[in-house]
């Protein structure tokens, strides 16, 4: 049974090795009062686009985690793309990211 589960999991996206929450975040980049931390993680033999957007609000650090469908051959490429996507999210959503 575990063989079949592994086979089907590999065919249908089960090749991801670490969830985004466990991915180590890279160095923060400041953008419009927010911090973007790229956090790509292995996805098969590539790296999944993922990151964290942070902002200090009323003395508390708020976080918004994102994962996108794009994968990249290198961790560096995935980190650079995560920064680009983070900037895009901030431009589109701004402060709304942290509304309850």
N, C-alpha and C. Protein backbone atom coordinates (compact mmCIF):
# COMPACT_ATOMS: atom_id res chain seq x y z
N UNK A 1 0.82 -1.19 0.00
CA UNK A 1 0.00 0.00 0.00
C UNK A 1 0.86 1.26 0.00
N UNK A 2 1.94 1.28 0.80
CA UNK A 2 2.79 2.47 0.85
C UNK A 2 3.49 2.69 -0.50
N UNK A 3 3.79 1.60 -1.21
CA UNK A 3 4.39 1.73 -2.54
C UNK A 3 3.43 2.46 -3.48
N UNK A 4 2.17 2.05 -3.46
CA UNK A 4 1.17 2.67 -4.31
C UNK A 4 0.96 4.13 -3.94
N UNK A 5 0.92 4.42 -2.65
CA UNK A 5 0.76 5.79 -2.18
C UNK A 5 1.93 6.66 -2.64
N UNK A 6 3.16 6.14 -2.52
CA UNK A 6 4.34 6.86 -2.96
C UNK A 6 4.33 7.11 -4.46
N UNK A 7 3.93 6.11 -5.22
CA UNK A 7 3.87 6.23 -6.66
C UNK A 7 2.85 7.29 -7.07
N UNK A 8 1.64 7.21 -6.53
CA UNK A 8 0.60 8.17 -6.86
C UNK A 8 0.94 9.56 -6.35
N UNK A 9 1.55 9.64 -5.17
CA UNK A 9 1.95 10.93 -4.62
C UNK A 9 2.96 11.63 -5.52
N UNK A 10 3.90 10.87 -6.07
CA UNK A 10 4.88 11.44 -6.97
C UNK A 10 4.25 11.94 -8.25
N UNK A 11 3.21 11.26 -8.72
CA UNK A 11 2.54 11.66 -9.95
C UNK A 11 1.66 12.89 -9.76
N UNK A 12 1.11 13.06 -8.57
CA UNK A 12 0.14 14.12 -8.33
C UNK A 12 0.64 15.16 -7.34
N UNK A 13 1.90 15.53 -7.41
CA UNK A 13 2.42 16.63 -6.61
C UNK A 13 2.93 16.27 -5.25
N UNK A 14 3.06 14.99 -4.94
CA UNK A 14 3.56 14.60 -3.64
C UNK A 14 5.07 14.66 -3.53
N UNK A 15 5.75 15.19 -4.54
CA UNK A 15 7.20 15.25 -4.52
C UNK A 15 7.77 16.39 -3.71
N UNK A 16 6.93 17.23 -3.17
CA UNK A 16 7.42 18.33 -2.35
C UNK A 16 8.05 17.77 -1.09
N UNK A 17 9.20 18.30 -0.74
CA UNK A 17 9.95 17.73 0.36
C UNK A 17 9.75 18.46 1.67
N UNK A 18 9.40 19.73 1.65
CA UNK A 18 9.24 20.48 2.89
C UNK A 18 8.14 21.51 2.71
N UNK A 19 7.21 21.59 3.64
CA UNK A 19 6.17 22.62 3.53
C UNK A 19 6.78 24.00 3.68
N UNK A 20 6.11 25.00 3.15
CA UNK A 20 6.62 26.37 3.17
C UNK A 20 6.86 26.86 4.59
N UNK A 21 6.08 26.40 5.56
CA UNK A 21 6.23 26.87 6.94
C UNK A 21 7.58 26.44 7.51
N UNK A 22 8.15 25.35 7.01
CA UNK A 22 9.41 24.83 7.53
C UNK A 22 10.62 25.33 6.75
N UNK A 23 10.39 26.01 5.64
CA UNK A 23 11.50 26.46 4.81
C UNK A 23 12.25 27.59 5.51
N UNK A 24 13.57 27.52 5.53
CA UNK A 24 14.33 28.62 6.14
C UNK A 24 14.20 29.88 5.29
N UNK A 25 13.88 30.98 5.93
CA UNK A 25 13.71 32.23 5.21
C UNK A 25 15.07 32.89 4.98
N UNK A 26 15.20 33.55 3.84
CA UNK A 26 16.43 34.26 3.52
C UNK A 26 16.47 35.63 4.17
N UNK A 27 17.46 36.39 3.80
CA UNK A 27 17.62 37.75 4.32
C UNK A 27 16.45 38.62 3.88
N UNK A 28 16.00 39.47 4.80
CA UNK A 28 14.88 40.35 4.51
C UNK A 28 15.32 41.50 3.60
N UNK A 29 14.42 41.87 2.69
CA UNK A 29 14.61 43.02 1.82
C UNK A 29 13.48 44.00 2.14
N UNK A 30 13.83 45.26 2.43
CA UNK A 30 12.85 46.29 2.73
C UNK A 30 12.18 46.77 1.43
N UNK A 31 10.86 46.96 1.50
CA UNK A 31 10.12 47.47 0.35
C UNK A 31 8.87 48.17 0.84
N UNK A 32 8.79 49.49 0.65
CA UNK A 32 7.62 50.29 1.00
C UNK A 32 7.17 50.08 2.45
N UNK A 33 8.10 49.96 3.37
CA UNK A 33 7.76 49.79 4.78
C UNK A 33 7.49 48.36 5.19
N UNK A 34 7.58 47.42 4.27
CA UNK A 34 7.41 45.99 4.53
C UNK A 34 8.78 45.32 4.43
N UNK A 35 8.88 44.11 4.94
CA UNK A 35 10.06 43.28 4.75
C UNK A 35 9.62 42.03 3.98
N UNK A 36 10.39 41.68 2.97
CA UNK A 36 10.12 40.46 2.20
C UNK A 36 11.26 39.50 2.47
N UNK A 37 10.93 38.28 2.87
CA UNK A 37 11.93 37.23 3.09
C UNK A 37 11.63 36.08 2.14
N UNK A 38 12.54 35.83 1.19
CA UNK A 38 12.32 34.67 0.32
C UNK A 38 12.47 33.38 1.13
N UNK A 39 11.61 32.40 0.86
CA UNK A 39 11.66 31.12 1.59
C UNK A 39 11.33 29.96 0.65
N UNK A 40 12.08 29.83 -0.47
CA UNK A 40 11.80 28.71 -1.36
C UNK A 40 12.12 27.38 -0.68
N UNK A 41 11.49 26.33 -1.16
CA UNK A 41 11.73 25.01 -0.60
C UNK A 41 11.83 24.00 -1.74
N UNK A 42 12.54 22.89 -1.49
CA UNK A 42 12.69 21.88 -2.54
C UNK A 42 11.34 21.31 -2.98
N UNK A 43 11.20 21.17 -4.28
CA UNK A 43 10.01 20.55 -4.88
C UNK A 43 10.53 19.62 -5.96
N UNK A 44 10.70 18.36 -5.59
CA UNK A 44 11.34 17.43 -6.51
C UNK A 44 12.79 17.84 -6.67
N UNK A 45 13.22 18.05 -7.91
CA UNK A 45 14.60 18.48 -8.14
C UNK A 45 14.67 19.98 -8.45
N UNK A 46 13.63 20.72 -8.08
CA UNK A 46 13.59 22.16 -8.29
C UNK A 46 13.26 22.86 -6.96
N UNK A 47 13.04 24.17 -7.02
CA UNK A 47 12.69 24.95 -5.83
C UNK A 47 11.40 25.71 -6.07
N UNK A 48 10.48 25.59 -5.13
CA UNK A 48 9.16 26.22 -5.20
C UNK A 48 9.27 27.68 -4.77
N UNK A 49 8.59 28.57 -5.49
CA UNK A 49 8.54 29.98 -5.11
C UNK A 49 7.73 30.13 -3.83
N UNK A 50 8.33 30.71 -2.80
CA UNK A 50 7.64 30.95 -1.53
C UNK A 50 8.35 32.07 -0.79
N UNK A 51 7.61 32.73 0.09
CA UNK A 51 8.22 33.80 0.86
C UNK A 51 7.32 34.27 1.98
N UNK A 52 7.84 35.24 2.72
CA UNK A 52 7.14 35.81 3.86
C UNK A 52 7.21 37.33 3.73
N UNK A 53 6.06 37.97 3.89
CA UNK A 53 6.01 39.43 3.94
C UNK A 53 5.73 39.80 5.38
N UNK A 54 6.52 40.71 5.94
CA UNK A 54 6.39 41.11 7.34
C UNK A 54 6.22 42.61 7.44
N UNK A 55 5.55 43.02 8.51
CA UNK A 55 5.46 44.44 8.84
C UNK A 55 5.19 44.56 10.32
N UNK A 56 5.85 45.52 10.96
CA UNK A 56 5.60 45.79 12.37
C UNK A 56 4.41 46.73 12.47
N UNK A 57 3.37 46.28 13.18
CA UNK A 57 2.15 47.06 13.37
C UNK A 57 1.83 47.07 14.85
N UNK A 58 1.75 48.26 15.44
CA UNK A 58 1.43 48.43 16.86
C UNK A 58 2.35 47.57 17.74
N UNK A 59 3.63 47.56 17.42
CA UNK A 59 4.60 46.83 18.22
C UNK A 59 4.61 45.33 18.02
N UNK A 60 3.83 44.83 17.08
CA UNK A 60 3.76 43.39 16.80
C UNK A 60 4.16 43.13 15.35
N UNK A 61 4.97 42.10 15.14
CA UNK A 61 5.36 41.74 13.78
C UNK A 61 4.28 40.85 13.17
N UNK A 62 3.67 41.33 12.12
CA UNK A 62 2.66 40.56 11.38
C UNK A 62 3.34 39.89 10.20
N UNK A 63 2.88 38.68 9.86
CA UNK A 63 3.45 37.95 8.73
C UNK A 63 2.36 37.47 7.78
N UNK A 64 2.69 37.50 6.51
CA UNK A 64 1.85 36.94 5.46
C UNK A 64 2.75 35.99 4.66
N UNK A 65 2.40 34.71 4.63
CA UNK A 65 3.18 33.72 3.89
C UNK A 65 2.53 33.48 2.53
N UNK A 66 3.38 33.33 1.52
CA UNK A 66 2.85 33.04 0.19
C UNK A 66 3.64 31.93 -0.48
N UNK A 67 2.94 31.19 -1.32
CA UNK A 67 3.53 30.14 -2.16
C UNK A 67 2.93 30.33 -3.54
N UNK A 68 3.75 30.25 -4.55
CA UNK A 68 3.28 30.37 -5.92
C UNK A 68 3.63 29.11 -6.69
N UNK A 69 3.00 28.93 -7.81
CA UNK A 69 3.13 27.70 -8.59
C UNK A 69 4.49 27.55 -9.27
N UNK A 70 5.18 28.64 -9.50
CA UNK A 70 6.42 28.59 -10.26
C UNK A 70 7.51 27.83 -9.50
N UNK A 71 8.25 27.03 -10.26
CA UNK A 71 9.43 26.37 -9.71
C UNK A 71 10.65 26.81 -10.50
N UNK A 72 11.82 26.63 -9.88
CA UNK A 72 13.06 27.12 -10.48
C UNK A 72 14.16 26.08 -10.30
N UNK A 73 15.12 26.11 -11.21
CA UNK A 73 16.21 25.14 -11.17
C UNK A 73 17.16 25.37 -10.00
N UNK A 74 17.28 26.62 -9.54
CA UNK A 74 18.20 26.90 -8.44
C UNK A 74 17.48 27.65 -7.31
N UNK A 75 18.01 27.48 -6.11
CA UNK A 75 17.46 28.20 -4.95
C UNK A 75 17.57 29.71 -5.16
N UNK A 76 18.68 30.15 -5.71
CA UNK A 76 18.91 31.57 -5.96
C UNK A 76 17.85 32.16 -6.89
N UNK A 77 17.54 31.45 -7.97
CA UNK A 77 16.50 31.91 -8.89
C UNK A 77 15.14 31.98 -8.19
N UNK A 78 14.85 30.99 -7.37
CA UNK A 78 13.58 30.98 -6.64
C UNK A 78 13.52 32.12 -5.63
N UNK A 79 14.64 32.43 -4.97
CA UNK A 79 14.68 33.55 -4.02
C UNK A 79 14.44 34.87 -4.74
N UNK A 80 15.10 35.07 -5.87
CA UNK A 80 14.92 36.30 -6.63
C UNK A 80 13.48 36.47 -7.10
N UNK A 81 12.88 35.38 -7.56
CA UNK A 81 11.50 35.46 -8.03
C UNK A 81 10.54 35.69 -6.87
N UNK A 82 10.83 35.11 -5.69
CA UNK A 82 10.00 35.34 -4.51
C UNK A 82 10.02 36.81 -4.12
N UNK A 83 11.17 37.46 -4.25
CA UNK A 83 11.23 38.90 -3.96
C UNK A 83 10.38 39.69 -4.95
N UNK A 84 10.44 39.31 -6.21
CA UNK A 84 9.61 39.97 -7.22
C UNK A 84 8.13 39.79 -6.91
N UNK A 85 7.73 38.55 -6.57
CA UNK A 85 6.32 38.29 -6.26
C UNK A 85 5.90 39.02 -4.98
N UNK A 86 6.80 39.08 -4.00
CA UNK A 86 6.50 39.80 -2.77
C UNK A 86 6.22 41.27 -3.04
N UNK A 87 7.04 41.89 -3.88
CA UNK A 87 6.82 43.30 -4.24
C UNK A 87 5.47 43.47 -4.94
N UNK A 88 5.15 42.53 -5.82
CA UNK A 88 3.88 42.60 -6.54
C UNK A 88 2.70 42.48 -5.57
N UNK A 89 2.79 41.57 -4.62
CA UNK A 89 1.72 41.40 -3.62
C UNK A 89 1.56 42.68 -2.81
N UNK A 90 2.65 43.28 -2.38
CA UNK A 90 2.59 44.52 -1.61
C UNK A 90 1.97 45.63 -2.45
N UNK A 91 2.37 45.75 -3.71
CA UNK A 91 1.80 46.78 -4.59
C UNK A 91 0.29 46.59 -4.77
N UNK A 92 -0.16 45.34 -4.84
CA UNK A 92 -1.58 45.06 -5.06
C UNK A 92 -2.40 45.12 -3.78
N UNK A 93 -1.85 44.66 -2.67
CA UNK A 93 -2.63 44.50 -1.44
C UNK A 93 -2.30 45.51 -0.34
N UNK A 94 -1.03 45.88 -0.24
CA UNK A 94 -0.60 46.83 0.78
C UNK A 94 -1.01 46.41 2.18
N UNK A 95 -1.53 47.34 2.94
CA UNK A 95 -1.93 47.11 4.34
C UNK A 95 -3.04 46.06 4.48
N UNK A 96 -3.79 45.82 3.42
CA UNK A 96 -4.88 44.83 3.48
C UNK A 96 -4.38 43.43 3.79
N UNK A 97 -3.10 43.17 3.58
CA UNK A 97 -2.53 41.86 3.88
C UNK A 97 -2.76 41.47 5.33
N UNK A 98 -2.81 42.45 6.21
CA UNK A 98 -2.85 42.17 7.64
C UNK A 98 -4.18 42.52 8.30
N UNK A 99 -5.19 42.76 7.52
CA UNK A 99 -6.52 43.01 8.09
C UNK A 99 -7.12 41.69 8.55
N UNK A 100 -7.77 41.73 9.69
CA UNK A 100 -8.41 40.51 10.22
C UNK A 100 -9.74 40.24 9.59
